[in-house]
Amino acid sequence: MVENLQEPRQRAAVVYNPTKVEVDELKAAVGEAERANEWQATLWYETSEDDPGVGQTKQAVKDGADIVLAAGGDGTVRSVAEGLEGSGVPIGLLPSGTGNLLARNLDLTLDHLEGSVATAFTGKDRKIDLGVVEAQFADGKRQRNVFLVMAGVGLDAQMIVNTDDELKKKVGWLAYVQAIAKSLKGSHIRLRYRLDDEPVRAMRAHTVLIGNCGSLPANILLLPEAVVDDGIFDIVALRPEGFFGWVQIWTKIVWENGVLRRSSAGRKLMSFTKEVRTLRYLKGKQLTMRFERPEEYELDGDAFGEVVALRAWVEPLGLTVRIPAEAELDTDAEEAEATPNTPSGEEPVPANAPR
C-alpha cells in the first residue's frame, strides 16, 4: 500500500515594529492569508530599541520560517535583511505607510496591507544585491552591517541626525527640510578613497552616497543608472560651491533625472548637456574611504554614528525578496563594468598613502 505523502505546510514569520504598524490589523490580514493558503500558524517577533530586528529574524530562521515578513519602516526592513543574510530565506515587505525605499525601488505596493501580505504568501522570489559596510570608529571599534538602498557620509547623514523625530512623525519626510538647513552649516568632508583596484585618490565633498537603488522619497531619482541586481554600486559625490552649486545639483537631479530621462526626446536633449563639477558619478564593486576627521554616516536612512573609515562592497544577489507572482522581472538590466572615473579636481594619491 502506497502512503499518500503530503508536502509539509509552510510557515511565515513576522518581525514587526510596534510603533510603526497597527498590530491588530496586521495580525488579521496575516491570519486570513495564512488560512487561505493552508500554512502553519505564523510566528511573531516584536522589535525593540535594543534590537530593531536582526536577532528576531535569526531566531525566526532557527524556528523554521520559510519566509520572514518585515513590518515597519526602512530600519526594520534593513534589520530583517541583515538577519537573513546567508540564510536563503526570502524577505516579504509590509511597508509602513508610503515611505519604504526598497519597496518603492522594486515598484511594490506601498499602501495596501492586504495586497502586500498576499504577495508574501503567494508571490515569487527575486534575488537582489546586498550592500555590506564595515565601519571603523575613532576608538578602533569595527562594526559590520548591511544596507539595501543607500549608504551615505556627510550632509545626508548629518541631516538625519538633525531631524526632529516628533516633527517627522507629524509631517513625514518634510521634517528633513528643517534638518537640511541645520546641516548645510557644516563644512566639507575630506577623504581619501579607493574604488576597486584603482589608485587611491583624494576628494572633498559635502556628501558621498553609495547606492544599490536609485530612487529617494518623492520619486527623486538620484542614481538613474542604479540596478538592484547588477552586482555594481552606483556612487555619487555632491560637491557644490555656494548657492549656485546647489542649484546645479537640484537641476541635474530634479529636471534631468526626474523629467528629461523619462522620455526619448528628453534623453536626446540630455546628450547635449555637460556634466557638472558639483555632482560626480562613479561605479564599482568595492569602495574604501578614510576621512580626515570622524564623520557621521547612515544606512538606509538610519544614523550609525561617527566613523573614521568605511569599506563597502556588493554581495551579488545576496538577498531574496518576495514579489507579486504577476510581476515581470527586469531581464534587460545590463551588467555594468566598473569604469575608472576621476572627477575633475581630484588628484591620485601615492600607493603608499594611508588607506
Protein backbone atom coordinates (compact mmCIF):
# COMPACT_ATOMS: atom_id res chain seq x y z
CA MET A 1 0.00 0.00 0.00
CA VAL A 2 1.43 3.37 -1.06
CA GLU A 3 1.06 6.09 1.51
CA ASN A 4 -0.29 9.46 0.40
CA LEU A 5 2.56 11.71 1.45
CA GLN A 6 1.75 15.41 1.66
CA GLU A 7 4.30 18.17 1.48
CA PRO A 8 4.82 19.83 4.87
CA ARG A 9 2.91 23.05 5.18
CA GLN A 10 4.92 26.25 5.02
CA ARG A 11 5.23 28.74 7.86
CA ALA A 12 5.69 32.50 7.81
CA ALA A 13 7.23 34.70 10.46
CA VAL A 14 6.54 38.41 11.02
CA VAL A 15 9.13 40.75 12.51
CA TYR A 16 7.28 43.96 13.31
CA ASN A 17 7.95 47.36 14.81
CA PRO A 18 5.03 48.03 17.19
CA THR A 19 5.48 51.80 16.86
CA LYS A 20 5.09 51.68 13.06
CA VAL A 21 2.18 49.27 12.49
CA GLU A 22 -1.36 48.65 13.64
CA VAL A 23 -0.72 45.24 15.21
CA ASP A 24 -4.34 44.03 15.33
CA GLU A 25 -4.92 44.96 11.69
CA LEU A 26 -1.64 43.30 10.70
CA LYS A 27 -2.45 40.07 12.55
CA ALA A 28 -5.90 39.94 10.97
CA ALA A 29 -4.50 40.30 7.44
CA VAL A 30 -1.77 37.71 8.02
CA GLY A 31 -4.20 35.29 9.65
CA GLU A 32 -6.55 35.49 6.66
CA ALA A 33 -3.73 34.78 4.19
CA GLU A 34 -2.39 32.02 6.39
CA ARG A 35 -5.75 30.21 6.42
CA ALA A 36 -6.47 30.80 2.74
CA ASN A 37 -3.15 29.21 1.75
CA GLU A 38 -3.25 26.48 4.41
CA TRP A 39 0.04 27.49 6.03
CA GLN A 40 1.03 26.72 9.60
CA ALA A 41 0.42 29.26 12.35
CA THR A 42 2.56 32.34 11.77
CA LEU A 43 5.43 33.13 14.13
CA TRP A 44 5.50 36.67 15.60
CA TYR A 45 8.53 38.66 16.79
CA GLU A 46 8.43 42.22 18.12
CA THR A 47 11.37 44.55 17.60
CA SER A 48 12.85 46.60 20.42
CA GLU A 49 15.01 49.66 20.85
CA ASP A 50 17.96 47.41 21.68
CA ASP A 51 17.38 45.10 18.71
CA PRO A 52 15.48 46.56 15.73
CA GLY A 53 15.04 43.16 14.10
CA VAL A 54 18.34 41.36 13.42
CA GLY A 55 18.20 38.96 16.37
CA GLN A 56 14.48 38.32 15.97
CA THR A 57 14.98 37.44 12.32
CA LYS A 58 17.78 35.00 13.05
CA GLN A 59 15.55 33.37 15.66
CA ALA A 60 12.72 33.11 13.13
CA VAL A 61 15.03 31.29 10.71
CA LYS A 62 16.09 28.90 13.51
CA ASP A 63 12.43 28.32 14.31
CA GLY A 64 11.81 27.12 10.76
CA ALA A 65 10.30 30.13 8.99
CA ASP A 66 10.02 29.73 5.21
CA ILE A 67 9.68 33.50 4.77
CA VAL A 68 10.16 36.45 7.13
CA LEU A 69 7.83 39.41 6.70
CA ALA A 70 9.29 42.79 7.69
CA ALA A 71 6.57 45.08 9.01
CA GLY A 72 7.77 48.61 9.72
CA GLY A 73 9.90 51.34 8.25
CA ASP A 74 13.21 51.26 6.38
CA GLY A 75 15.11 50.44 9.57
CA THR A 76 13.03 47.33 10.21
CA VAL A 77 13.44 46.15 6.62
CA ARG A 78 17.20 46.70 6.74
CA SER A 79 17.48 44.83 10.05
CA VAL A 80 15.46 41.86 8.79
CA ALA A 81 17.62 41.72 5.66
CA GLU A 82 20.73 41.68 7.86
CA GLY A 83 19.28 38.82 9.88
CA LEU A 84 18.52 36.87 6.70
CA GLU A 85 21.98 37.29 5.16
CA GLY A 86 23.30 33.93 4.03
CA SER A 87 20.15 32.03 5.02
CA GLY A 88 18.45 31.82 1.63
CA VAL A 89 15.12 32.60 3.33
CA PRO A 90 13.19 35.31 1.45
CA ILE A 91 12.01 38.59 2.89
CA GLY A 92 8.44 39.83 2.46
CA LEU A 93 7.90 43.57 2.57
CA LEU A 94 4.98 45.02 4.53
CA PRO A 95 5.76 48.75 4.18
CA SER A 96 4.65 51.18 6.86
CA GLY A 97 2.84 53.97 5.01
CA THR A 98 4.41 55.08 1.73
CA GLY A 99 8.00 55.56 2.82
CA ASN A 100 9.73 52.22 2.37
CA LEU A 101 12.54 52.85 -0.08
CA LEU A 102 13.24 49.25 -1.14
CA ALA A 103 9.57 48.62 -1.89
CA ARG A 104 9.46 51.86 -3.87
CA ASN A 105 12.53 50.90 -5.91
CA LEU A 106 11.06 47.47 -6.65
CA ASP A 107 7.73 49.05 -7.70
CA LEU A 108 5.85 47.18 -4.97
CA THR A 109 2.57 48.25 -3.40
CA LEU A 110 3.21 50.79 -0.67
CA ASP A 111 -0.14 51.43 0.99
CA HIS A 112 -2.21 48.24 0.62
CA LEU A 113 -1.62 45.92 3.57
CA GLU A 114 -3.75 43.03 2.32
CA GLY A 115 -2.05 43.10 -1.07
CA SER A 116 1.43 43.13 0.47
CA VAL A 117 0.52 40.21 2.75
CA ALA A 118 -0.94 38.25 -0.18
CA THR A 119 2.32 38.77 -2.10
CA ALA A 120 4.31 37.32 0.81
CA PHE A 121 2.19 34.14 0.79
CA THR A 122 1.59 33.66 -2.95
CA GLY A 123 4.28 35.62 -4.79
CA LYS A 124 7.53 34.58 -6.43
CA ASP A 125 11.12 35.18 -5.42
CA ARG A 126 13.56 37.70 -6.87
CA LYS A 127 17.21 37.90 -5.91
CA ILE A 128 18.77 41.34 -5.47
CA ASP A 129 22.18 42.62 -4.44
CA LEU A 130 23.01 43.34 -0.83
CA GLY A 131 25.29 46.16 0.24
CA VAL A 132 27.73 45.41 3.07
CA VAL A 133 29.63 48.00 5.11
CA GLU A 134 32.43 47.61 7.61
CA ALA A 135 32.84 50.80 9.64
CA GLN A 136 35.79 51.80 11.79
CA PHE A 137 35.17 54.20 14.68
CA ALA A 138 37.60 56.61 16.32
CA ASP A 139 38.15 54.24 19.28
CA GLY A 140 39.22 51.47 16.91
CA LYS A 141 35.96 49.53 17.15
CA ARG A 142 34.70 47.95 13.91
CA GLN A 143 31.10 47.20 13.03
CA ARG A 144 29.64 45.29 10.08
CA ASN A 145 26.15 45.98 8.73
CA VAL A 146 24.19 45.57 5.52
CA PHE A 147 22.11 48.05 3.54
CA LEU A 148 19.55 47.72 0.78
CA VAL A 149 19.17 51.19 -0.71
CA MET A 150 21.98 53.62 0.14
CA ALA A 151 24.85 54.27 2.49
CA GLY A 152 25.89 57.88 2.98
CA VAL A 153 28.56 60.02 4.60
CA GLY A 154 28.40 63.78 5.11
CA LEU A 155 25.43 66.06 4.63
CA ASP A 156 22.77 63.37 4.29
CA ALA A 157 23.91 61.63 7.49
CA GLN A 158 24.10 64.97 9.34
CA MET A 159 20.59 65.73 8.09
CA ILE A 160 19.27 62.51 9.63
CA VAL A 161 21.00 63.26 12.95
CA ASN A 162 19.50 66.79 12.94
CA THR A 163 15.94 65.66 12.13
CA ASP A 164 13.35 66.20 14.84
CA ASP A 165 11.74 62.78 15.42
CA GLU A 166 8.50 64.25 16.71
CA LEU A 167 8.22 66.53 13.68
CA LYS A 168 8.90 63.58 11.38
CA LYS A 169 6.02 61.65 12.95
CA LYS A 170 3.70 64.56 12.14
CA VAL A 171 4.84 65.61 8.65
CA GLY A 172 6.95 62.68 7.42
CA TRP A 173 9.82 63.45 5.05
CA LEU A 174 9.04 67.18 5.12
CA ALA A 175 10.76 67.19 8.50
CA TYR A 176 14.06 66.86 6.67
CA VAL A 177 13.67 70.35 5.24
CA GLN A 178 14.36 71.83 8.67
CA ALA A 179 17.24 69.39 9.17
CA ILE A 180 18.82 70.35 5.85
CA ALA A 181 19.06 73.99 6.96
CA LYS A 182 20.99 72.93 10.08
CA SER A 183 23.22 70.51 8.17
CA LEU A 184 24.21 72.99 5.46
CA LYS A 185 26.14 74.93 8.09
CA GLY A 186 28.60 72.03 8.32
CA SER A 187 31.86 72.01 6.43
CA HIS A 188 33.03 69.73 3.64
CA ILE A 189 34.29 66.27 4.37
CA ARG A 190 37.81 65.45 3.24
CA LEU A 191 38.71 61.89 2.42
CA ARG A 192 40.96 59.50 0.59
CA TYR A 193 39.17 56.77 -1.33
CA ARG A 194 39.91 53.70 -3.37
CA LEU A 195 37.42 52.29 -5.89
CA ASP A 196 38.02 48.63 -6.71
CA ASP A 197 41.66 48.27 -7.82
CA GLU A 198 42.11 51.87 -8.92
CA PRO A 199 44.73 54.14 -7.31
CA VAL A 200 43.93 55.88 -4.03
CA ARG A 201 42.58 59.40 -4.63
CA ALA A 202 41.75 62.45 -2.53
CA MET A 203 38.40 64.22 -2.59
CA ARG A 204 36.48 66.99 -0.87
CA ALA A 205 32.67 66.77 -0.87
CA HIS A 206 29.53 67.63 1.06
CA THR A 207 28.15 64.10 0.70
CA VAL A 208 29.20 60.73 -0.70
CA LEU A 209 26.37 58.25 -1.36
CA ILE A 210 26.82 54.59 -2.23
CA GLY A 211 23.69 53.28 -3.89
CA ASN A 212 22.21 49.87 -4.56
CA CYS A 213 18.95 51.52 -5.68
CA GLY A 214 18.35 54.85 -7.37
CA SER A 215 15.15 56.46 -6.05
CA LEU A 216 14.59 58.51 -2.91
CA PRO A 217 11.29 59.65 -1.33
CA ALA A 218 9.06 61.84 -3.52
CA ASN A 219 10.31 59.79 -6.52
CA ILE A 220 13.57 61.75 -6.65
CA LEU A 221 15.85 59.79 -8.97
CA LEU A 222 19.30 60.36 -7.52
CA LEU A 223 21.13 57.47 -9.20
CA PRO A 224 19.48 56.98 -12.60
CA GLU A 225 21.65 54.05 -13.68
CA ALA A 226 21.40 52.06 -10.43
CA VAL A 227 20.11 48.49 -10.84
CA VAL A 228 19.37 46.29 -7.83
CA ASP A 229 20.78 43.09 -9.32
CA ASP A 230 23.79 44.09 -11.45
CA GLY A 231 26.49 43.44 -8.85
CA ILE A 232 27.64 47.07 -9.05
CA PHE A 233 27.36 50.08 -6.77
CA ASP A 234 26.41 53.46 -8.22
CA ILE A 235 28.18 56.18 -6.26
CA VAL A 236 27.65 59.91 -6.29
CA ALA A 237 29.65 62.73 -4.69
CA LEU A 238 27.90 66.08 -4.11
CA ARG A 239 30.46 68.88 -4.25
CA PRO A 240 28.69 72.23 -4.55
CA GLU A 241 30.43 75.56 -4.02
CA GLY A 242 27.88 78.04 -2.71
CA PHE A 243 24.26 78.59 -3.67
CA PHE A 244 24.80 78.25 -7.43
CA GLY A 245 26.36 74.82 -6.89
CA TRP A 246 23.24 73.61 -5.10
CA VAL A 247 21.10 74.97 -7.94
CA GLN A 248 23.16 72.91 -10.40
CA ILE A 249 22.64 69.77 -8.32
CA TRP A 250 18.92 70.41 -7.97
CA THR A 251 18.60 70.96 -11.73
CA LYS A 252 20.51 67.79 -12.51
CA ILE A 253 18.52 65.58 -10.12
CA VAL A 254 15.03 67.01 -10.48
CA TRP A 255 14.99 68.24 -14.10
CA GLU A 256 17.35 65.92 -15.96
CA ASN A 257 16.92 62.72 -13.94
CA GLY A 258 13.30 63.28 -13.00
CA VAL A 259 11.90 64.74 -16.23
CA LEU A 260 14.17 64.54 -19.28
CA ARG A 261 15.38 60.99 -18.67
CA ARG A 262 11.80 59.66 -18.75
CA SER A 263 11.32 60.30 -22.50
CA SER A 264 13.35 59.55 -25.63
CA ALA A 265 13.25 63.22 -26.64
CA GLY A 266 14.47 64.22 -23.20
CA ARG A 267 17.32 61.70 -23.26
CA LYS A 268 18.38 63.04 -26.66
CA LEU A 269 18.38 66.56 -25.25
CA MET A 270 20.50 65.37 -22.31
CA SER A 271 23.19 64.17 -24.73
CA PHE A 272 23.97 67.82 -25.50
CA THR A 273 24.39 68.82 -21.85
CA LYS A 274 27.69 68.77 -19.98
CA GLU A 275 28.38 67.08 -16.69
CA VAL A 276 28.68 69.49 -13.77
CA ARG A 277 31.61 69.61 -11.38
CA THR A 278 29.25 69.76 -8.41
CA LEU A 279 27.91 66.24 -8.92
CA ARG A 280 30.06 63.25 -9.93
CA TYR A 281 29.05 59.66 -10.54
CA LEU A 282 31.23 56.57 -10.12
CA LYS A 283 30.61 52.82 -10.42
CA GLY A 284 32.33 49.93 -8.70
CA LYS A 285 32.06 46.78 -6.63
CA GLN A 286 34.01 47.98 -3.61
CA LEU A 287 34.73 51.42 -2.14
CA THR A 288 37.08 52.18 0.72
CA MET A 289 37.10 55.65 2.31
CA ARG A 290 39.24 57.15 5.08
CA PHE A 291 38.28 60.54 6.49
CA GLU A 292 40.37 63.43 7.74
CA ARG A 293 38.22 63.58 10.87
CA PRO A 294 35.30 61.49 12.25
CA GLU A 295 32.18 61.85 10.08
CA GLU A 296 28.54 60.88 10.52
CA TYR A 297 27.32 58.03 8.35
CA GLU A 298 23.94 56.45 7.67
CA LEU A 299 22.47 53.28 6.23
CA ASP A 300 19.02 53.31 4.61
CA GLY A 301 18.05 56.44 6.50
CA ASP A 302 19.29 55.48 9.98
CA ALA A 303 22.29 57.17 11.62
CA PHE A 304 25.06 54.84 12.78
CA GLY A 305 27.47 57.29 14.42
CA GLU A 306 30.77 58.93 13.53
CA VAL A 307 33.41 56.90 11.71
CA VAL A 308 36.98 57.44 10.58
CA ALA A 309 36.87 54.87 7.76
CA LEU A 310 34.37 52.81 5.78
CA ARG A 311 34.67 49.86 3.44
CA ALA A 312 31.60 48.98 1.37
CA TRP A 313 31.19 46.11 -1.04
CA VAL A 314 28.46 44.38 -3.01
CA GLU A 315 27.24 40.91 -2.13
CA PRO A 316 25.79 39.95 -5.55
CA LEU A 317 22.24 38.56 -5.38
CA GLY A 318 22.69 38.25 -1.63
CA LEU A 319 19.02 38.73 -0.68
CA THR A 320 15.83 37.07 -1.88
CA VAL A 321 12.73 39.28 -1.97
CA ARG A 322 9.16 38.04 -2.43
CA ILE A 323 7.41 39.98 -5.21
CA PRO A 324 3.96 39.65 -6.82
CA ALA A 325 3.59 36.49 -8.94
CA GLU A 326 2.47 38.54 -11.92
CA ALA A 327 5.38 40.98 -11.75
CA GLU A 328 7.84 40.99 -14.62
CA LEU A 329 11.46 40.58 -13.65
CA ASP A 330 13.86 43.06 -15.20
CA THR A 331 15.79 40.85 -17.60
CA ASP A 332 17.16 43.77 -19.58
CA ALA A 333 19.49 45.02 -16.87
CA GLU A 334 22.93 45.28 -18.36
CA GLU A 335 25.90 44.19 -16.33
CA ALA A 336 27.75 47.45 -15.81
CA GLU A 337 31.51 47.28 -15.69
CA ALA A 338 33.35 49.38 -13.12
CA THR A 339 34.64 52.30 -15.17
CA PRO A 340 37.58 54.32 -13.86
CA ASN A 341 36.32 57.84 -13.29
CA THR A 342 38.39 60.56 -11.71
CA PRO A 343 36.25 63.64 -11.08
CA SER A 344 37.82 66.88 -12.19
CA GLY A 345 39.88 68.45 -9.45
CA GLU A 346 40.85 65.18 -7.76
CA GLU A 347 44.43 64.03 -7.66
CA PRO A 348 45.76 60.48 -7.41
CA VAL A 349 47.38 59.68 -4.09
CA PRO A 350 50.65 57.73 -4.00
CA ALA A 351 50.28 53.99 -3.47
CA ASN A 352 51.98 54.17 -0.09
CA ALA A 353 49.49 56.72 1.27
CA PRO A 354 47.32 55.74 4.28
CA ARG A 355 44.36 53.54 3.29
